C-alpha atoms as a PDB file:
ATOM      1  CA  MET A   1      -0.102  -0.058  -0.044  1.00  0.00           C
ATOM      2  CA  LYS A   2       1.340   3.274  -0.967  1.00  0.00           C
ATOM      3  CA  ALA A   3       0.244   6.712   0.595  1.00  0.00           C
ATOM      4  CA  MET A   4      -0.881   9.536  -1.469  1.00  0.00           C
ATOM      5  CA  ALA A   5       1.754  12.178  -1.983  1.00  0.00           C
ATOM      6  CA  SER A   6      -0.815  14.876  -1.224  1.00  0.00           C
ATOM      7  CA  ASP A   7      -1.359  13.461   2.210  1.00  0.00           C
ATOM      8  CA  HIS A   8       0.197  16.087   4.645  1.00  0.00           C
ATOM      9  CA  THR A   9       1.119  13.370   7.297  1.00  0.00           C
ATOM     10  CA  TYR A  10       2.732  11.251   4.349  1.00  0.00           C
ATOM     11  CA  ARG A  11       5.102  14.143   3.569  1.00  0.00           C
ATOM     12  CA  GLN A  12       6.217  14.652   7.174  1.00  0.00           C
ATOM     13  CA  VAL A  13       6.934  10.994   7.581  1.00  0.00           C
ATOM     14  CA  LYS A  14       8.468  10.515   4.331  1.00  0.00           C
ATOM     15  CA  ALA A  15      11.122  13.230   5.253  1.00  0.00           C
ATOM     16  CA  LYS A  16      12.118  11.339   8.379  1.00  0.00           C
ATOM     17  CA  CYS A  17      12.213   7.856   6.503  1.00  0.00           C
ATOM     18  CA  THR A  18      14.005   8.524   3.225  1.00  0.00           C
ATOM     19  CA  ASP A  19      15.650  11.063   0.869  1.00  0.00           C
ATOM     20  CA  SER A  20      14.306   9.286  -2.209  1.00  0.00           C
ATOM     21  CA  LYS A  21      11.827  11.107  -4.493  1.00  0.00           C
ATOM     22  CA  SER A  22      10.092   7.926  -5.107  1.00  0.00           C
ATOM     23  CA  GLY A  23       9.567   6.930  -1.542  1.00  0.00           C
ATOM     24  CA  ARG A  24      10.483   3.959   0.420  1.00  0.00           C
ATOM     25  CA  TYR A  25       9.297   0.349   0.044  1.00  0.00           C
ATOM     26  CA  ILE A  26       9.034  -1.939   3.025  1.00  0.00           C
ATOM     27  CA  PHE A  27       8.691  -5.603   2.311  1.00  0.00           C
ATOM     28  CA  ARG A  28       7.032  -8.147   4.517  1.00  0.00           C
ATOM     29  CA  SER A  29       7.554 -11.938   4.374  1.00  0.00           C
ATOM     30  CA  PHE A  30       4.498 -13.814   3.059  1.00  0.00           C
ATOM     31  CA  PHE A  31       4.759 -15.691   6.323  1.00  0.00           C
ATOM     32  CA  GLN A  32       5.087 -12.626   8.538  1.00  0.00           C
ATOM     33  CA  GLU A  33       1.814 -13.248  10.436  1.00  0.00           C
ATOM     34  CA  HIS A  34       3.237 -16.703  11.393  1.00  0.00           C
ATOM     35  CA  LEU A  35       6.390 -15.255  12.283  1.00  0.00           C
ATOM     36  CA  ASP A  36       4.897 -12.504  14.507  1.00  0.00           C
ATOM     37  CA  ARG A  37       2.784 -15.166  16.192  1.00  0.00           C
ATOM     38  CA  ALA A  38       5.834 -17.388  16.864  1.00  0.00           C
ATOM     39  CA  ASP A  39       7.762 -14.261  18.218  1.00  0.00           C
ATOM     40  CA  ALA A  40       4.723 -13.405  20.418  1.00  0.00           C
ATOM     41  CA  TYR A  41       4.528 -16.954  21.936  1.00  0.00           C
ATOM     42  CA  GLN A  42       8.281 -16.875  22.679  1.00  0.00           C
ATOM     43  CA  GLN A  43       7.540 -14.062  24.908  1.00  0.00           C
ATOM     44  CA  THR A  44       5.034 -16.154  27.090  1.00  0.00           C
ATOM     45  CA  GLU A  45       5.928 -17.489  30.494  1.00  0.00           C
ATOM     46  CA  ASN A  46       4.955 -21.037  29.366  1.00  0.00           C
ATOM     47  CA  TYR A  47       7.559 -20.840  26.498  1.00  0.00           C
ATOM     48  CA  GLN A  48      10.280 -19.344  28.813  1.00  0.00           C
ATOM     49  CA  LYS A  49       9.736 -22.138  31.336  1.00  0.00           C
ATOM     50  CA  ALA A  50       9.818 -24.976  28.695  1.00  0.00           C
ATOM     51  CA  ILE A  51      13.085 -23.511  27.296  1.00  0.00           C
ATOM     52  CA  ARG A  52      14.515 -23.454  30.934  1.00  0.00           C
ATOM     53  CA  LYS A  53      13.464 -27.115  31.513  1.00  0.00           C
ATOM     54  CA  ARG A  54      14.899 -28.136  28.023  1.00  0.00           C
ATOM     55  CA  SER A  55      18.432 -26.492  28.880  1.00  0.00           C
ATOM     56  CA  VAL A  56      18.547 -28.675  32.128  1.00  0.00           C
ATOM     57  CA  TRP A  57      16.903 -32.003  30.835  1.00  0.00           C
ATOM     58  CA  VAL A  58      17.439 -32.341  27.202  1.00  0.00           C
ATOM     59  CA  GLU A  59      20.489 -30.458  25.991  1.00  0.00           C
ATOM     60  CA  PRO A  60      23.011 -32.141  28.346  1.00  0.00           C
ATOM     61  CA  LEU A  61      21.851 -35.510  26.921  1.00  0.00           C
ATOM     62  CA  PHE A  62      22.445 -34.209  23.318  1.00  0.00           C
ATOM     63  CA  GLY A  63      25.790 -32.926  24.377  1.00  0.00           C
ATOM     64  CA  GLU A  64      26.699 -36.342  25.823  1.00  0.00           C
ATOM     65  CA  ALA A  65      25.546 -38.070  22.577  1.00  0.00           C
ATOM     66  CA  LYS A  66      27.691 -35.795  20.467  1.00  0.00           C
ATOM     67  CA  GLN A  67      30.716 -36.074  22.638  1.00  0.00           C
ATOM     68  CA  PHE A  68      30.775 -39.805  23.434  1.00  0.00           C
ATOM     69  CA  HIS A  69      28.433 -41.496  20.925  1.00  0.00           C
ATOM     70  CA  ARG A  70      29.499 -39.864  17.778  1.00  0.00           C
ATOM     71  CA  LEU A  71      26.201 -38.108  17.200  1.00  0.00           C
ATOM     72  CA  ARG A  72      27.817 -35.157  15.297  1.00  0.00           C
ATOM     73  CA  LYS A  73      26.755 -36.645  12.029  1.00  0.00           C
ATOM     74  CA  PHE A  74      24.372 -39.602  11.342  1.00  0.00           C
ATOM     75  CA  ARG A  75      26.065 -42.477   9.233  1.00  0.00           C
ATOM     76  CA  LEU A  76      22.863 -43.531   7.768  1.00  0.00           C
ATOM     77  CA  ARG A  77      20.571 -41.715   5.191  1.00  0.00           C
ATOM     78  CA  GLY A  78      16.911 -41.520   5.073  1.00  0.00           C
ATOM     79  CA  LEU A  79      14.546 -40.376   7.765  1.00  0.00           C
ATOM     80  CA  VAL A  80      13.654 -43.873   8.944  1.00  0.00           C
ATOM     81  CA  LYS A  81      17.198 -44.916   9.172  1.00  0.00           C
ATOM     82  CA  VAL A  82      18.293 -41.683  11.016  1.00  0.00           C
ATOM     83  CA  ASN A  83      15.503 -42.246  13.373  1.00  0.00           C
ATOM     84  CA  ILE A  84      16.534 -45.750  14.144  1.00  0.00           C
ATOM     85  CA  GLU A  85      20.322 -44.713  14.481  1.00  0.00           C
ATOM     86  CA  GLY A  86      19.102 -42.021  16.967  1.00  0.00           C
ATOM     87  CA  VAL A  87      16.994 -44.489  19.048  1.00  0.00           C
ATOM     88  CA  LEU A  88      19.865 -46.843  19.165  1.00  0.00           C
ATOM     89  CA  ILE A  89      22.101 -44.142  20.483  1.00  0.00           C
ATOM     90  CA  ALA A  90      19.622 -43.190  23.094  1.00  0.00           C
ATOM     91  CA  ILE A  91      19.292 -46.811  24.092  1.00  0.00           C
ATOM     92  CA  GLY A  92      23.023 -46.989  24.530  1.00  0.00           C
ATOM     93  CA  GLN A  93      23.017 -43.852  26.786  1.00  0.00           C
ATOM     94  CA  ASN A  94      20.107 -45.349  28.793  1.00  0.00           C
ATOM     95  CA  ILE A  95      21.902 -48.778  29.215  1.00  0.00           C
ATOM     96  CA  LYS A  96      25.133 -46.981  30.319  1.00  0.00           C
ATOM     97  CA  ARG A  97      23.100 -45.037  32.877  1.00  0.00           C
ATOM     98  CA  LEU A  98      21.365 -48.218  34.179  1.00  0.00           C
ATOM     99  CA  MET A  99      24.736 -50.063  34.433  1.00  0.00           C
ATOM    100  CA  LYS A 100      26.311 -47.150  36.395  1.00  0.00           C
ATOM    101  CA  LYS A 101      23.374 -46.919  38.767  1.00  0.00           C
ATOM    102  CA  ARG A 102      23.520 -50.689  39.364  1.00  0.00           C
ATOM    103  CA  ALA A 103      27.257 -50.333  40.003  1.00  0.00           C
ATOM    104  CA  ASP A 104      26.783 -47.400  42.371  1.00  0.00           C
ATOM    105  CA  ASN A 105      24.054 -49.359  44.341  1.00  0.00           C
ATOM    106  CA  ALA A 106      26.302 -52.573  44.451  1.00  0.00           C
ATOM    107  CA  ALA A 107      29.100 -50.471  45.899  1.00  0.00           C
ATOM    108  CA  ILE A 108      26.929 -49.015  48.546  1.00  0.00           C
ATOM    109  CA  HIS A 109      25.656 -52.382  49.669  1.00  0.00           C
ATOM    110  CA  CYS A 110      29.170 -53.969  49.764  1.00  0.00           C
ATOM    111  CA  HIS A 111      30.596 -51.441  52.254  1.00  0.00           C
END
């Protein structure tokens, strides 16, 4: 939408926005409404709470998988194969945790 050049308010605002004689064009993304809604959601308390929870519960597990289980790059290709590989890595992490917990419990009961 372009304002009419005869509009007094338009001339005042134009002087602040641009030196161009033809005016200034501002483009919005086709998805701008969705982007605005996503930005608004990111400001909510529920979103902030979920992000805090994710940083404590989820991200350390991904870090462990990347550092100790070669999850920097999947070896397999295709969504199904990548999902299988990811699940296998998660199973390995869970088995390691289970074994460590059992070893810790056994050490406590032996002393």
